[in-house]
């Protein structure tokens, strides 16, 4: 008679509170040498048993995986200083990107109103999109972290140590709004004190930041368990972002300045009068238009102004050594004489001397060169390198003006209007200003508008004034833009239209002119938000039209 075989007893007795461990399960992670004396194992298989996977990961023993599991020895939460270092690394990357797209000046020529331009808003949105893609794609990728985290040996996981999904990474990104600006950064700082070193955004998104290599932080991509996407965080983040964009757009509509392409250097005009006042119809040359008779620019073109063709002069080739310029000037080359005059005024390659500069400019002017004659007139008017003499200035201005130099025609018109060096003659002033306006000189176009608006030297004609102001505005001349706006505000020569008036004020580059600034602010204070928004819309369209010209 044979008794029924008894089941083999477990090698390890059950521990209270734990399920019994079978022999095969208990001995799997142990080397074969440690169990050579176990007869049951010898009978079952003469070869060592393959290690059993933990949580379904093949090829790793339980001991190996326990050592590498995040949250246990070998996968500790990232210290706060490590996270701070990673953050600083990422900030440098964002700074480089911001430098490339140019977000340093968000105002984008916002002007005295301190408004934000559309270009600045778009650049900020580009930075936001870059941040979103940078964090979400990298933290949900195989690297499990941004470049800064990778440099510091950190990975982002869920609470079970697994690689996070794209949805969870997106939720974690938008949860940062709870850390900044809603909590003024406190949501980040608490990571130094929480048990798992979690920031507020980590807690909300159910994530951990740990030290360790990405491949040891979780399961392979194909074997990841499906996790619920924190949709509420994504919806909340998108909602907050949309609300912020709406607030920013509303602020932009009500306060923004429209940036215009600078087709010519800005002209600092004489202070403008407020609407309703009586400004001088023909202003003196604005300060900054010609900073000196022989400007210190080093370009040989004169105070940022384009040099008209020199009469009777050879074609000038720039880039010659100063010794060659001096040799050509000594032989009577007009362009070389003018270039040497500019160099002497600036101290560029030769000793600085306004007197010497005036002498070389006079040599060029004596040959009949209109542009050199204009500079001699300005030198006498300002007393630079020569004694100040308004009559001599007017004489040289006339020589250049008769040769068709528009700048000289404008200055001669101003001399007739002010009675400087010549007898005051408003009709002669308008005549020379009209000659310059026929060459599309912006200051002359605006001054003719003033003459017709106030009847100085011509019969008063408001519609004719608006015509000339509009021509100056079409060339983006600041005073022309402002004066056209004032006509619309007061209904002079046009139908009164406050939105149209504000449109032209917005387009005006005030350049510190308090009269223009006050006029715009006073008008905005009398308009509704809807009317101001309409003015901005019109200004944007006009700016685009000017840019295409």
Protein backbone atom coordinates (compact mmCIF):
# COMPACT_ATOMS: atom_id res chain seq x y z
CA UNK A 1 0.00 0.00 0.00
CA UNK A 2 1.32 3.34 -0.85
CA UNK A 3 0.33 6.45 0.98
CA UNK A 4 -0.65 9.51 -1.10
CA UNK A 5 2.29 11.92 -1.71
CA UNK A 6 2.34 14.91 0.56
CA UNK A 7 2.77 18.40 -0.94
CA UNK A 8 6.16 19.92 -0.48
CA UNK A 9 6.29 22.33 2.44
CA UNK A 10 7.31 25.93 1.73
CA UNK A 11 10.93 26.72 2.34
CA UNK A 12 9.95 29.91 4.10
CA UNK A 13 7.18 30.02 6.58
CA UNK A 14 4.53 32.67 5.92
CA UNK A 15 5.13 35.99 7.59
CA UNK A 16 2.13 37.26 9.53
CA UNK A 17 0.19 39.63 7.34
CA UNK A 18 1.83 38.42 4.11
CA UNK A 19 0.86 35.77 1.58
CA UNK A 20 2.91 32.52 1.65
CA UNK A 21 5.88 32.50 -0.65
CA UNK A 22 6.37 29.45 -2.86
CA UNK A 23 9.79 27.93 -3.07
CA UNK A 24 10.24 28.88 -6.70
CA UNK A 25 9.25 32.51 -6.04
CA UNK A 26 11.45 32.87 -2.96
CA UNK A 27 14.59 31.42 -4.52
CA UNK A 28 14.32 33.06 -7.93
CA UNK A 29 16.43 36.12 -7.18
CA UNK A 30 19.11 34.12 -5.30
CA UNK A 31 22.27 32.78 -6.98
CA UNK A 32 22.32 29.04 -7.63
CA UNK A 33 25.25 28.51 -5.29
CA UNK A 34 23.18 29.65 -2.33
CA UNK A 35 20.69 26.84 -2.78
CA UNK A 36 22.86 23.91 -3.93
CA UNK A 37 21.92 22.01 -0.80
CA UNK A 38 18.20 22.16 -1.51
CA UNK A 39 17.25 18.70 -2.75
CA UNK A 40 13.83 19.79 -3.98
CA UNK A 41 15.41 22.39 -6.29
CA UNK A 42 17.93 19.83 -7.58
CA UNK A 43 15.17 17.42 -8.41
CA UNK A 44 13.05 20.11 -10.09
CA UNK A 45 15.75 21.43 -12.38
CA UNK A 46 19.50 20.99 -12.50
CA UNK A 47 19.90 24.45 -14.09
CA UNK A 48 19.25 27.78 -12.35
CA UNK A 49 15.73 29.00 -12.83
CA UNK A 50 15.27 32.19 -14.90
CA UNK A 51 14.53 35.24 -12.77
CA UNK A 52 10.88 36.05 -12.43
CA UNK A 53 9.86 39.55 -13.55
CA UNK A 54 8.56 42.11 -11.10
CA UNK A 55 5.45 43.95 -12.37
CA UNK A 56 5.95 42.30 -15.74
CA UNK A 57 9.43 43.65 -16.62
CA UNK A 58 11.47 40.82 -18.15
CA UNK A 59 15.17 40.34 -17.66
CA UNK A 60 15.47 41.99 -14.22
CA UNK A 61 15.31 40.26 -10.90
CA UNK A 62 13.24 41.54 -8.05
CA UNK A 63 16.38 42.61 -6.20
CA UNK A 64 17.55 44.64 -9.21
CA UNK A 65 14.22 46.33 -9.68
CA UNK A 66 13.75 47.11 -6.00
CA UNK A 67 17.12 48.84 -6.05
CA UNK A 68 16.12 50.90 -9.07
CA UNK A 69 12.49 51.67 -8.29
CA UNK A 70 11.87 55.42 -7.80
CA UNK A 71 10.98 56.26 -4.25
CA UNK A 72 13.16 53.47 -2.91
CA UNK A 73 16.95 53.34 -2.49
CA UNK A 74 18.48 54.29 -5.86
CA UNK A 75 15.54 56.50 -6.98
CA UNK A 76 15.35 59.26 -4.38
CA UNK A 77 13.39 62.49 -4.83
CA UNK A 78 15.50 65.25 -6.36
CA UNK A 79 16.98 67.67 -3.80
CA UNK A 80 15.74 71.22 -4.09
CA UNK A 81 19.14 72.59 -5.13
CA UNK A 82 19.29 70.12 -8.02
CA UNK A 83 15.91 71.30 -9.20
CA UNK A 84 16.97 74.92 -8.85
CA UNK A 85 20.04 74.21 -10.99
CA UNK A 86 17.92 72.55 -13.65
CA UNK A 87 15.55 75.52 -13.61
CA UNK A 88 18.43 77.97 -14.06
CA UNK A 89 19.71 75.94 -17.02
CA UNK A 90 16.27 76.07 -18.65
CA UNK A 91 15.99 79.82 -18.00
CA UNK A 92 19.21 80.34 -19.97
CA UNK A 93 17.68 78.43 -22.89
CA UNK A 94 14.55 80.60 -22.76
CA UNK A 95 16.70 83.73 -22.60
CA UNK A 96 18.55 82.67 -25.74
CA UNK A 97 15.26 82.03 -27.55
CA UNK A 98 13.88 85.38 -26.39
CA UNK A 99 17.03 87.08 -27.68
CA UNK A 100 16.59 85.46 -31.09
CA UNK A 101 12.98 86.61 -31.52
CA UNK A 102 13.65 89.92 -29.79
CA UNK A 103 11.23 90.10 -26.86
CA UNK A 104 13.42 92.53 -24.95
CA UNK A 105 11.39 95.46 -26.13
CA UNK A 106 7.75 94.46 -25.85
CA UNK A 107 6.59 98.05 -26.21
CA UNK A 108 7.94 98.12 -29.79
CA UNK A 109 8.04 101.91 -30.05
CA UNK A 110 4.95 102.11 -27.91
CA UNK A 111 5.46 105.84 -27.52
CA UNK A 112 4.51 108.13 -24.68
CA UNK A 113 1.34 106.25 -23.86
CA UNK A 114 3.41 103.30 -22.70
CA UNK A 115 1.29 100.91 -24.78
CA UNK A 116 2.15 97.45 -25.99
CA UNK A 117 2.48 96.86 -29.73
CA UNK A 118 0.92 93.96 -31.59
CA UNK A 119 4.38 92.74 -32.53
CA UNK A 120 5.34 92.63 -28.85
CA UNK A 121 2.21 90.63 -27.96
CA UNK A 122 2.93 88.14 -30.75
CA UNK A 123 6.51 87.69 -29.53
CA UNK A 124 5.29 86.95 -26.00
CA UNK A 125 2.83 84.40 -27.38
CA UNK A 126 5.68 82.81 -29.36
CA UNK A 127 7.67 82.50 -26.13
CA UNK A 128 4.65 80.90 -24.41
CA UNK A 129 4.22 78.33 -27.20
CA UNK A 130 7.94 77.57 -27.13
CA UNK A 131 7.75 77.01 -23.35
CA UNK A 132 4.74 74.72 -23.73
CA UNK A 133 6.38 72.55 -26.38
CA UNK A 134 9.72 72.54 -24.57
CA UNK A 135 8.34 71.25 -21.27
CA UNK A 136 5.54 69.00 -22.51
CA UNK A 137 7.42 67.21 -25.30
CA UNK A 138 10.65 66.67 -23.37
CA UNK A 139 9.08 65.62 -20.06
CA UNK A 140 6.81 63.09 -21.77
CA UNK A 141 9.57 61.80 -24.05
CA UNK A 142 12.05 58.99 -23.42
CA UNK A 143 14.42 61.48 -21.76
CA UNK A 144 11.72 62.23 -19.14
CA UNK A 145 12.97 65.73 -18.53
CA UNK A 146 14.06 69.06 -20.00
CA UNK A 147 17.64 69.77 -20.98
CA UNK A 148 18.20 71.36 -17.58
CA UNK A 149 16.90 68.28 -15.76
CA UNK A 150 18.95 66.01 -17.98
CA UNK A 151 22.09 68.04 -17.18
CA UNK A 152 21.38 67.61 -13.45
CA UNK A 153 20.52 63.91 -13.70
CA UNK A 154 16.82 64.30 -12.96
CA UNK A 155 13.72 62.66 -14.43
CA UNK A 156 9.98 63.37 -14.16
CA UNK A 157 7.72 60.42 -13.27
CA UNK A 158 4.21 59.78 -12.01
CA UNK A 159 3.60 58.66 -8.44
CA UNK A 160 4.38 55.03 -9.39
CA UNK A 161 7.70 55.90 -10.96
CA UNK A 162 6.48 55.57 -14.54
CA UNK A 163 7.14 57.82 -17.49
CA UNK A 164 4.38 60.42 -17.71
CA UNK A 165 2.06 60.74 -20.68
CA UNK A 166 1.70 63.73 -22.98
CA UNK A 167 -1.55 64.70 -21.28
CA UNK A 168 -0.06 64.62 -17.79
CA UNK A 169 2.94 66.65 -18.97
CA UNK A 170 0.54 69.24 -20.41
CA UNK A 171 -1.37 69.37 -17.15
CA UNK A 172 1.86 69.80 -15.21
CA UNK A 173 2.85 72.70 -17.45
CA UNK A 174 -0.39 74.60 -16.93
CA UNK A 175 -0.35 73.79 -13.20
CA UNK A 176 2.70 76.07 -13.04
CA UNK A 177 0.23 78.94 -13.10
CA UNK A 178 -0.51 78.00 -9.48
CA UNK A 179 3.15 78.50 -8.65
CA UNK A 180 3.62 81.70 -10.58
CA UNK A 181 2.08 84.21 -10.66
CA UNK A 182 -0.85 83.09 -8.48
CA UNK A 183 1.34 82.23 -5.48
CA UNK A 184 4.24 84.53 -6.34
CA UNK A 185 6.67 81.63 -6.55
CA UNK A 186 5.74 80.00 -3.24
CA UNK A 187 4.44 76.98 -5.15
CA UNK A 188 8.01 76.34 -6.30
CA UNK A 189 9.70 77.00 -2.97
CA UNK A 190 7.64 74.43 -1.06
CA UNK A 191 9.51 71.71 -2.98
CA UNK A 192 12.33 72.24 -0.50
CA UNK A 193 10.12 71.19 2.44
CA UNK A 194 7.66 68.54 1.24
CA UNK A 195 8.37 64.87 1.90
CA UNK A 196 8.62 63.90 -1.76
CA UNK A 197 10.21 67.25 -2.72
CA UNK A 198 7.14 68.16 -4.74
CA UNK A 199 6.22 71.63 -5.87
CA UNK A 200 2.60 72.70 -6.00
CA UNK A 201 2.42 71.90 -9.72
CA UNK A 202 3.84 68.42 -9.03
CA UNK A 203 1.15 67.74 -6.43
CA UNK A 204 -1.66 68.92 -8.67
CA UNK A 205 -0.44 66.89 -11.67
CA UNK A 206 0.50 63.82 -9.60
CA UNK A 207 4.17 63.87 -10.59
CA UNK A 208 7.54 63.41 -8.94
CA UNK A 209 11.00 64.63 -9.89
CA UNK A 210 13.69 62.07 -9.05
CA UNK A 211 17.34 61.45 -9.48
CA UNK A 212 18.17 58.65 -11.87
CA UNK A 213 18.52 57.68 -15.49
CA UNK A 214 15.35 57.68 -17.63
CA UNK A 215 15.52 53.98 -18.43
CA UNK A 216 15.45 53.09 -14.73
CA UNK A 217 12.52 55.34 -13.88
CA UNK A 218 9.64 53.41 -15.32
CA UNK A 219 8.30 50.89 -17.74
CA UNK A 220 9.05 50.68 -21.45
CA UNK A 221 6.79 52.74 -23.65
CA UNK A 222 4.99 49.75 -25.07
CA UNK A 223 4.17 48.40 -21.64
CA UNK A 224 3.05 51.55 -19.91
CA UNK A 225 -0.26 51.29 -18.19
CA UNK A 226 -2.90 53.58 -19.55
CA UNK A 227 -3.36 56.49 -17.19
CA UNK A 228 -6.17 58.96 -17.00
CA UNK A 229 -5.21 62.26 -18.59
CA UNK A 230 -5.70 65.11 -16.14
CA UNK A 231 -8.17 66.81 -18.48
CA UNK A 232 -9.31 69.26 -15.82
CA UNK A 233 -5.78 70.68 -15.63
CA UNK A 234 -5.54 71.06 -19.40
CA UNK A 235 -8.94 72.77 -19.57
CA UNK A 236 -8.04 75.03 -16.65
CA UNK A 237 -4.71 75.97 -18.22
CA UNK A 238 -6.20 76.69 -21.61
CA UNK A 239 -8.94 78.75 -20.00
CA UNK A 240 -6.50 80.85 -17.98
CA UNK A 241 -4.30 81.35 -21.05
CA UNK A 242 -7.28 82.40 -23.16
CA UNK A 243 -8.41 84.83 -20.45
CA UNK A 244 -4.91 86.31 -20.24
CA UNK A 245 -4.84 86.77 -24.02
CA UNK A 246 -8.23 88.50 -23.95
CA UNK A 247 -7.10 90.87 -21.20
CA UNK A 248 -3.88 91.60 -23.07
CA UNK A 249 -5.73 92.23 -26.31
CA UNK A 250 -8.20 94.56 -24.61
CA UNK A 251 -5.32 96.49 -23.07
CA UNK A 252 -3.61 96.62 -26.43
CA UNK A 253 -6.74 97.94 -28.13
CA UNK A 254 -7.20 100.72 -25.60
CA UNK A 255 -3.59 101.79 -25.03
CA UNK A 256 -1.34 100.61 -27.83
CA UNK A 257 0.75 102.63 -30.19
CA UNK A 258 1.16 101.35 -33.74
CA UNK A 259 4.79 100.95 -34.74
CA UNK A 260 5.64 102.46 -38.09
CA UNK A 261 8.58 101.72 -40.35
CA UNK A 262 11.10 104.52 -40.15
CA UNK A 263 11.60 105.50 -43.76
CA UNK A 264 13.78 108.42 -42.69
CA UNK A 265 15.52 109.40 -39.47
CA UNK A 266 13.13 110.88 -36.91
CA UNK A 267 12.90 114.66 -36.89
CA UNK A 268 12.58 116.38 -33.57
CA UNK A 269 10.14 119.16 -34.27
CA UNK A 270 9.53 122.34 -32.40
CA UNK A 271 6.93 121.89 -29.64
CA UNK A 272 3.49 121.53 -31.19
CA UNK A 273 0.61 123.66 -30.09
CA UNK A 274 -2.50 122.06 -28.75
CA UNK A 275 -5.51 121.88 -31.10
CA UNK A 276 -7.24 125.23 -31.34
CA UNK A 277 -4.04 127.24 -30.77
CA UNK A 278 -2.30 129.14 -33.58
CA UNK A 279 1.10 127.58 -34.34
CA UNK A 280 3.67 129.28 -36.53
CA UNK A 281 2.84 128.43 -40.12
CA UNK A 282 6.47 127.98 -41.17
CA UNK A 283 8.60 126.61 -38.37
CA UNK A 284 12.31 127.08 -38.04
CA UNK A 285 14.38 124.00 -38.91
CA UNK A 286 13.58 121.43 -36.22
CA UNK A 287 16.33 120.80 -33.73
CA UNK A 288 18.11 117.65 -34.78
CA UNK A 289 17.38 118.02 -38.50
CA UNK A 290 20.88 119.33 -39.07
CA UNK A 291 22.90 119.01 -35.90
CA UNK A 292 25.87 120.90 -37.33
CA UNK A 293 26.96 122.57 -40.50
CA UNK A 294 29.55 119.86 -40.88
CA UNK A 295 28.00 116.95 -38.98
CA UNK A 296 29.93 114.56 -36.84
CA UNK A 297 28.63 111.42 -38.50
CA UNK A 298 31.69 109.98 -40.16
CA UNK A 299 29.66 109.09 -43.24
CA UNK A 300 30.23 112.12 -45.40
CA UNK A 301 26.51 112.39 -46.10
CA UNK A 302 25.57 114.97 -43.51
CA UNK A 303 23.35 114.51 -40.42
CA UNK A 304 21.61 111.45 -41.73
CA UNK A 305 20.35 113.33 -44.82
CA UNK A 306 20.81 111.84 -48.32
CA UNK A 307 23.45 113.72 -50.29
CA UNK A 308 22.04 115.18 -53.53
CA UNK A 309 24.14 114.83 -56.70
CA UNK A 310 27.03 117.25 -56.47
CA UNK A 311 27.26 119.62 -59.39
CA UNK A 312 30.55 119.56 -61.23
CA UNK A 313 32.02 116.94 -58.91
CA UNK A 314 33.67 113.65 -59.66
CA UNK A 315 31.99 110.43 -58.61
CA UNK A 316 33.17 109.84 -55.07
CA UNK A 317 34.49 106.43 -54.08
CA UNK A 318 34.25 105.82 -50.34
CA UNK A 319 36.69 103.78 -48.33
CA UNK A 320 39.87 105.55 -49.48
CA UNK A 321 42.65 106.09 -46.92
CA UNK A 322 42.62 109.59 -45.44
CA UNK A 323 45.96 110.38 -47.07
CA UNK A 324 44.40 109.75 -50.49
CA UNK A 325 41.38 111.89 -49.57
CA UNK A 326 43.68 114.76 -48.60
CA UNK A 327 45.64 114.42 -51.83
CA UNK A 328 42.44 114.47 -53.92
CA UNK A 329 41.10 117.46 -51.97
CA UNK A 330 44.34 119.36 -52.55
CA UNK A 331 43.99 118.72 -56.31
CA UNK A 332 40.48 120.25 -56.25
CA UNK A 333 38.21 117.19 -56.12
CA UNK A 334 34.95 118.62 -54.75
CA UNK A 335 33.70 115.41 -53.16
CA UNK A 336 37.07 114.84 -51.52
CA UNK A 337 37.00 118.40 -50.15
CA UNK A 338 33.55 117.78 -48.63
CA UNK A 339 34.61 114.42 -47.21
CA UNK A 340 37.69 116.03 -45.67
CA UNK A 341 35.48 118.76 -44.17
CA UNK A 342 33.27 116.10 -42.55
CA UNK A 343 36.37 114.29 -41.24
CA UNK A 344 37.80 117.49 -39.72
CA UNK A 345 34.48 118.25 -38.00
CA UNK A 346 34.36 114.74 -36.53
CA UNK A 347 38.07 114.31 -35.81
CA UNK A 348 38.00 111.17 -37.93
CA UNK A 349 41.50 110.37 -39.16
CA UNK A 350 42.61 113.99 -38.78
CA UNK A 351 42.74 116.48 -35.88
CA UNK A 352 39.28 117.79 -35.02
CA UNK A 353 38.82 121.42 -36.09
CA UNK A 354 35.58 123.15 -37.11
CA UNK A 355 37.60 126.04 -38.54
CA UNK A 356 39.54 123.73 -40.86
CA UNK A 357 36.32 121.95 -41.73
CA UNK A 358 34.70 125.24 -42.76
CA UNK A 359 37.70 126.12 -44.89
CA UNK A 360 37.48 122.86 -46.87
CA UNK A 361 33.70 123.20 -47.20
CA UNK A 362 34.14 126.75 -48.54
CA UNK A 363 36.55 125.47 -51.20
CA UNK A 364 33.86 123.02 -52.34
CA UNK A 365 31.14 125.69 -52.18
CA UNK A 366 33.22 128.12 -54.26
CA UNK A 367 33.16 125.61 -57.11
CA UNK A 368 29.37 125.98 -57.26
CA UNK A 369 28.42 122.73 -55.52
CA UNK A 370 24.88 123.28 -54.18
CA UNK A 371 25.16 120.89 -51.27
CA UNK A 372 28.42 122.48 -50.07
CA UNK A 373 26.77 125.91 -50.38
CA UNK A 374 23.90 124.71 -48.20
CA UNK A 375 26.37 123.57 -45.51
CA UNK A 376 28.15 126.92 -45.62
CA UNK A 377 24.82 128.66 -45.06
CA UNK A 378 24.13 126.46 -42.07
CA UNK A 379 27.65 127.06 -40.71
CA UNK A 380 27.07 130.83 -40.77
CA UNK A 381 23.62 130.50 -39.25
CA UNK A 382 24.92 128.40 -36.33
CA UNK A 383 28.35 130.08 -36.05
CA UNK A 384 30.27 126.83 -36.33
CA UNK A 385 33.78 127.25 -37.72
CA UNK A 386 32.87 130.77 -38.85
CA UNK A 387 31.40 133.86 -37.11
CA UNK A 388 27.60 133.72 -36.79
CA UNK A 389 26.12 135.85 -39.57
CA UNK A 390 22.45 135.52 -40.60
CA UNK A 391 22.90 137.65 -43.72
CA UNK A 392 25.80 135.52 -44.93
CA UNK A 393 23.80 132.40 -44.10
CA UNK A 394 20.87 133.65 -46.21
CA UNK A 395 23.26 134.43 -49.09
CA UNK A 396 24.65 130.89 -49.15
CA UNK A 397 21.14 129.43 -48.70
CA UNK A 398 19.96 131.37 -51.75
CA UNK A 399 22.88 130.10 -53.87
CA UNK A 400 22.01 126.49 -52.96
CA UNK A 401 18.24 127.04 -53.21
CA UNK A 402 18.56 128.42 -56.73
CA UNK A 403 20.32 125.17 -57.67
CA UNK A 404 17.34 123.19 -56.43
CA UNK A 405 18.66 121.96 -53.07
CA UNK A 406 15.41 121.39 -51.15
CA UNK A 407 17.03 121.68 -47.72
CA UNK A 408 18.37 125.13 -48.63
CA UNK A 409 14.95 126.15 -49.97
CA UNK A 410 13.35 125.21 -46.64
CA UNK A 411 15.94 127.12 -44.59
CA UNK A 412 15.69 130.16 -46.86
CA UNK A 413 11.88 130.09 -46.48
CA UNK A 414 12.33 130.00 -42.69
CA UNK A 415 14.72 132.99 -42.93
CA UNK A 416 12.10 135.01 -44.86
CA UNK A 417 9.38 134.04 -42.39
CA UNK A 418 11.48 135.00 -39.33
CA UNK A 419 13.21 137.98 -40.96
CA UNK A 420 16.67 136.57 -40.20
CA UNK A 421 19.32 137.95 -42.53
CA UNK A 422 16.64 139.15 -44.95
CA UNK A 423 13.59 141.37 -44.73
CA UNK A 424 10.55 139.50 -43.45
CA UNK A 425 8.45 138.41 -46.43
CA UNK A 426 5.70 135.82 -45.93
CA UNK A 427 5.00 135.56 -49.65
CA UNK A 428 8.66 134.83 -50.42
CA UNK A 429 8.68 132.32 -47.55
CA UNK A 430 5.71 130.46 -49.05
CA UNK A 431 7.27 130.60 -52.53
CA UNK A 432 10.50 128.87 -51.44
CA UNK A 433 8.60 126.44 -49.24
CA UNK A 434 6.43 125.48 -52.22
CA UNK A 435 9.56 124.80 -54.34
CA UNK A 436 10.79 122.42 -51.66
CA UNK A 437 7.36 120.82 -51.34
CA UNK A 438 7.38 120.10 -55.06
CA UNK A 439 10.39 117.89 -54.32
CA UNK A 440 8.37 116.08 -51.62
CA UNK A 441 10.32 117.62 -48.75
CA UNK A 442 8.27 116.55 -45.73
CA UNK A 443 8.82 119.69 -43.66
CA UNK A 444 7.88 121.90 -46.60
CA UNK A 445 4.65 119.96 -47.19
CA UNK A 446 3.62 120.41 -43.56
CA UNK A 447 4.62 124.09 -43.49
CA UNK A 448 2.51 124.81 -46.57
CA UNK A 449 -0.43 123.24 -44.75
CA UNK A 450 0.14 125.63 -41.84
CA UNK A 451 0.36 128.59 -44.22
CA UNK A 452 -3.02 127.74 -45.78
CA UNK A 453 -4.62 126.94 -42.42
CA UNK A 454 -3.75 130.35 -40.94
CA UNK A 455 -3.58 132.44 -44.11
CA UNK A 456 0.10 133.39 -43.85
CA UNK A 457 1.48 134.48 -47.22
CA UNK A 458 -1.54 132.95 -48.98
CA UNK A 459 -5.31 133.17 -48.80
CA UNK A 460 -6.66 131.09 -45.93
CA UNK A 461 -8.03 127.79 -47.25
CA UNK A 462 -8.71 124.96 -44.75
CA UNK A 463 -9.35 122.33 -47.39
CA UNK A 464 -6.06 123.22 -49.10
CA UNK A 465 -4.34 123.01 -45.71
CA UNK A 466 -5.68 119.49 -45.17
CA UNK A 467 -4.44 118.52 -48.63
CA UNK A 468 -0.86 119.51 -47.79
CA UNK A 469 -1.03 117.99 -44.30
CA UNK A 470 -2.21 114.75 -45.83
CA UNK A 471 0.76 114.73 -48.23
CA UNK A 472 3.16 115.23 -45.32
CA UNK A 473 1.40 112.49 -43.34
CA UNK A 474 1.68 110.11 -46.30
CA UNK A 475 5.48 110.49 -45.97
CA UNK A 476 5.22 109.70 -42.22
CA UNK A 477 6.25 113.21 -41.14
CA UNK A 478 5.40 113.51 -37.41
CA UNK A 479 4.06 117.08 -37.49
CA UNK A 480 2.07 116.34 -40.64
CA UNK A 481 0.43 113.38 -38.91
CA UNK A 482 -0.34 115.45 -35.84
CA UNK A 483 -1.69 118.49 -37.70
CA UNK A 484 -3.96 116.27 -39.80
CA UNK A 485 -5.29 114.72 -36.60
CA UNK A 486 -5.91 118.18 -35.15
CA UNK A 487 -7.96 119.11 -38.22
CA UNK A 488 -10.17 116.06 -37.71
CA UNK A 489 -10.54 116.83 -34.00
CA UNK A 490 -11.60 120.44 -34.63
CA UNK A 491 -13.46 119.79 -37.89
CA UNK A 492 -11.29 122.21 -39.89
CA UNK A 493 -11.35 121.46 -43.61
CA UNK A 494 -12.86 118.02 -42.94
CA UNK A 495 -15.87 116.55 -41.15
CA UNK A 496 -15.20 116.28 -37.42
CA UNK A 497 -14.26 112.68 -36.53
CA UNK A 498 -12.66 111.97 -33.15
CA UNK A 499 -11.74 108.38 -34.03
CA UNK A 500 -9.96 109.62 -37.16
CA UNK A 501 -8.24 112.31 -35.11
CA UNK A 502 -6.98 109.78 -32.56
CA UNK A 503 -5.84 107.53 -35.41
CA UNK A 504 -3.43 110.21 -36.63
CA UNK A 505 -2.33 111.04 -33.08
CA UNK A 506 -1.51 107.36 -32.54
CA UNK A 507 0.58 107.30 -35.70
CA UNK A 508 2.50 110.40 -34.63
CA UNK A 509 5.96 109.84 -33.19
CA UNK A 510 5.80 112.46 -30.43
CA UNK A 511 9.53 112.10 -29.70
CA UNK A 512 9.08 113.74 -26.31
CA UNK A 513 6.92 116.63 -27.56
CA UNK A 514 4.68 117.37 -24.58
CA UNK A 515 2.14 119.25 -26.70
CA UNK A 516 1.48 116.17 -28.83
CA UNK A 517 1.39 113.90 -25.78
CA UNK A 518 -1.09 116.13 -23.93
CA UNK A 519 -3.33 116.48 -26.99
CA UNK A 520 -3.59 112.74 -27.42
CA UNK A 521 -4.20 112.03 -23.74
CA UNK A 522 -6.87 114.74 -23.54
CA UNK A 523 -8.67 113.35 -26.59
CA UNK A 524 -8.55 109.76 -25.31
CA UNK A 525 -10.09 110.91 -22.04
CA UNK A 526 -13.16 112.17 -23.93
CA UNK A 527 -13.68 109.01 -25.99
CA UNK A 528 -15.39 105.71 -25.21
CA UNK A 529 -13.48 102.44 -25.26
CA UNK A 530 -15.27 101.44 -28.47
CA UNK A 531 -14.26 104.65 -30.26
CA UNK A 532 -10.67 104.25 -29.09
CA UNK A 533 -10.63 100.66 -30.34
CA UNK A 534 -11.93 101.89 -33.72
CA UNK A 535 -9.14 104.47 -33.84
CA UNK A 536 -6.52 101.79 -33.16
CA UNK A 537 -7.99 99.58 -35.88
CA UNK A 538 -7.79 102.43 -38.39
CA UNK A 539 -4.24 103.26 -37.29
CA UNK A 540 -3.14 99.67 -37.86
CA UNK A 541 -4.56 99.71 -41.38
CA UNK A 542 -2.86 103.03 -42.14
CA UNK A 543 0.44 101.76 -40.74
CA UNK A 544 0.28 98.73 -43.01
CA UNK A 545 -0.45 100.99 -45.98
CA UNK A 546 2.51 103.24 -45.14
CA UNK A 547 4.78 100.22 -44.75
CA UNK A 548 3.90 98.98 -48.25
CA UNK A 549 4.74 102.32 -49.86
